[in-house]
């Protein structure tokens, strides 16, 4: 009886450990936001703003012009 109880305990511990080991974090892509990168390439700086819809990146260009970063990116990179 003690052997059966001991084996059951070992099996439960092994099951618990294997279940924990299978939980993996999603791999990070490691890719920068293309619109933010483009803003910097043309001399601008990105400023993050909170809006009712969430966060929005604003590209502040050297001449003082401010434009949402994806709007700027799409303007200068039209779909082919």
C-alpha atoms as a PDB file:
ATOM      1  CA  UNK A   1       0.000   0.000   0.000  1.00  0.00           C
ATOM      2  CA  UNK A   2       2.810   2.418   0.867  1.00  0.00           C
ATOM      3  CA  UNK A   3       4.566   1.611  -2.446  1.00  0.00           C
ATOM      4  CA  UNK A   4       1.394   2.416  -4.402  1.00  0.00           C
ATOM      5  CA  UNK A   5       0.935   5.679  -2.514  1.00  0.00           C
ATOM      6  CA  UNK A   6       4.590   6.591  -3.032  1.00  0.00           C
ATOM      7  CA  UNK A   7       4.406   5.856  -6.773  1.00  0.00           C
ATOM      8  CA  UNK A   8       1.186   7.876  -7.058  1.00  0.00           C
ATOM      9  CA  UNK A   9       2.876  10.813  -5.340  1.00  0.00           C
ATOM     10  CA  UNK A  10       5.886  10.624  -7.639  1.00  0.00           C
ATOM     11  CA  UNK A  11       3.603  10.459 -10.680  1.00  0.00           C
ATOM     12  CA  UNK A  12       1.665  13.539  -9.537  1.00  0.00           C
ATOM     13  CA  UNK A  13       4.854  15.519  -8.940  1.00  0.00           C
ATOM     14  CA  UNK A  14       6.215  14.499 -12.349  1.00  0.00           C
ATOM     15  CA  UNK A  15       2.941  15.513 -14.010  1.00  0.00           C
ATOM     16  CA  UNK A  16       2.927  18.888 -12.253  1.00  0.00           C
ATOM     17  CA  UNK A  17       6.544  19.604 -13.205  1.00  0.00           C
ATOM     18  CA  UNK A  18       6.011  18.642 -16.843  1.00  0.00           C
ATOM     19  CA  UNK A  19       2.906  20.841 -17.075  1.00  0.00           C
ATOM     20  CA  UNK A  20       4.868  23.843 -15.793  1.00  0.00           C
ATOM     21  CA  UNK A  21       7.765  23.201 -18.153  1.00  0.00           C
ATOM     22  CA  UNK A  22       5.506  23.338 -21.215  1.00  0.00           C
ATOM     23  CA  UNK A  23       4.382  26.914 -20.615  1.00  0.00           C
ATOM     24  CA  UNK A  24       6.628  29.048 -22.774  1.00  0.00           C
ATOM     25  CA  UNK A  25       6.574  32.738 -23.492  1.00  0.00           C
ATOM     26  CA  UNK A  26       5.860  33.814 -27.028  1.00  0.00           C
ATOM     27  CA  UNK A  27       9.093  34.698 -28.810  1.00  0.00           C
ATOM     28  CA  UNK A  28       9.598  38.409 -29.307  1.00  0.00           C
ATOM     29  CA  UNK A  29       9.861  39.551 -32.888  1.00  0.00           C
ATOM     30  CA  UNK A  30      12.590  42.085 -32.174  1.00  0.00           C
ATOM     31  CA  UNK A  31      11.490  44.338 -35.004  1.00  0.00           C
ATOM     32  CA  UNK A  32      11.211  48.112 -34.641  1.00  0.00           C
ATOM     33  CA  UNK A  33       8.107  50.027 -35.678  1.00  0.00           C
ATOM     34  CA  UNK A  34       8.811  51.024 -39.328  1.00  0.00           C
ATOM     35  CA  UNK A  35       6.906  54.307 -38.968  1.00  0.00           C
ATOM     36  CA  UNK A  36       8.960  55.299 -35.909  1.00  0.00           C
ATOM     37  CA  UNK A  37      12.198  54.340 -37.650  1.00  0.00           C
ATOM     38  CA  UNK A  38      11.237  56.384 -40.728  1.00  0.00           C
ATOM     39  CA  UNK A  39      10.440  59.407 -38.551  1.00  0.00           C
ATOM     40  CA  UNK A  40      13.956  59.265 -37.103  1.00  0.00           C
ATOM     41  CA  UNK A  41      15.556  58.719 -40.510  1.00  0.00           C
ATOM     42  CA  UNK A  42      14.122  61.987 -41.818  1.00  0.00           C
ATOM     43  CA  UNK A  43      15.281  63.912 -38.741  1.00  0.00           C
ATOM     44  CA  UNK A  44      12.115  63.790 -36.673  1.00  0.00           C
ATOM     45  CA  UNK A  45      11.468  62.675 -33.130  1.00  0.00           C
ATOM     46  CA  UNK A  46       8.572  60.493 -31.989  1.00  0.00           C
ATOM     47  CA  UNK A  47       6.412  61.702 -29.130  1.00  0.00           C
ATOM     48  CA  UNK A  48       3.873  59.282 -27.664  1.00  0.00           C
ATOM     49  CA  UNK A  49       0.412  60.644 -26.782  1.00  0.00           C
ATOM     50  CA  UNK A  50      -2.508  59.003 -25.018  1.00  0.00           C
ATOM     51  CA  UNK A  51      -5.798  59.250 -26.889  1.00  0.00           C
ATOM     52  CA  UNK A  52      -9.230  57.740 -26.187  1.00  0.00           C
ATOM     53  CA  UNK A  53      -8.276  55.016 -28.704  1.00  0.00           C
ATOM     54  CA  UNK A  54      -4.950  54.218 -26.999  1.00  0.00           C
ATOM     55  CA  UNK A  55      -1.394  55.430 -27.564  1.00  0.00           C
ATOM     56  CA  UNK A  56      -0.449  57.297 -30.708  1.00  0.00           C
ATOM     57  CA  UNK A  57       3.003  58.159 -32.024  1.00  0.00           C
ATOM     58  CA  UNK A  58       3.447  61.726 -33.247  1.00  0.00           C
ATOM     59  CA  UNK A  59       6.436  62.509 -35.446  1.00  0.00           C
ATOM     60  CA  UNK A  60       7.770  66.005 -34.724  1.00  0.00           C
ATOM     61  CA  UNK A  61       9.764  67.063 -37.780  1.00  0.00           C
ATOM     62  CA  UNK A  62      12.728  69.497 -37.687  1.00  0.00           C
ATOM     63  CA  UNK A  63      10.553  72.291 -39.141  1.00  0.00           C
ATOM     64  CA  UNK A  64       8.034  71.898 -36.276  1.00  0.00           C
ATOM     65  CA  UNK A  65       5.417  70.017 -38.280  1.00  0.00           C
ATOM     66  CA  UNK A  66       3.668  67.322 -36.237  1.00  0.00           C
ATOM     67  CA  UNK A  67       2.026  64.330 -37.897  1.00  0.00           C
ATOM     68  CA  UNK A  68       0.846  60.935 -36.698  1.00  0.00           C
ATOM     69  CA  UNK A  69       3.762  58.633 -37.541  1.00  0.00           C
ATOM     70  CA  UNK A  70       1.804  56.077 -39.610  1.00  0.00           C
ATOM     71  CA  UNK A  71       0.064  58.849 -41.571  1.00  0.00           C
ATOM     72  CA  UNK A  72       3.499  60.282 -42.442  1.00  0.00           C
ATOM     73  CA  UNK A  73       4.888  56.856 -43.326  1.00  0.00           C
ATOM     74  CA  UNK A  74       1.954  56.010 -45.622  1.00  0.00           C
ATOM     75  CA  UNK A  75       2.110  59.460 -47.259  1.00  0.00           C
ATOM     76  CA  UNK A  76       5.760  58.932 -48.180  1.00  0.00           C
ATOM     77  CA  UNK A  77       5.425  55.176 -48.906  1.00  0.00           C
ATOM     78  CA  UNK A  78       2.235  54.761 -50.966  1.00  0.00           C
ATOM     79  CA  UNK A  79       1.004  51.237 -51.693  1.00  0.00           C
ATOM     80  CA  UNK A  80       2.220  49.914 -55.029  1.00  0.00           C
END
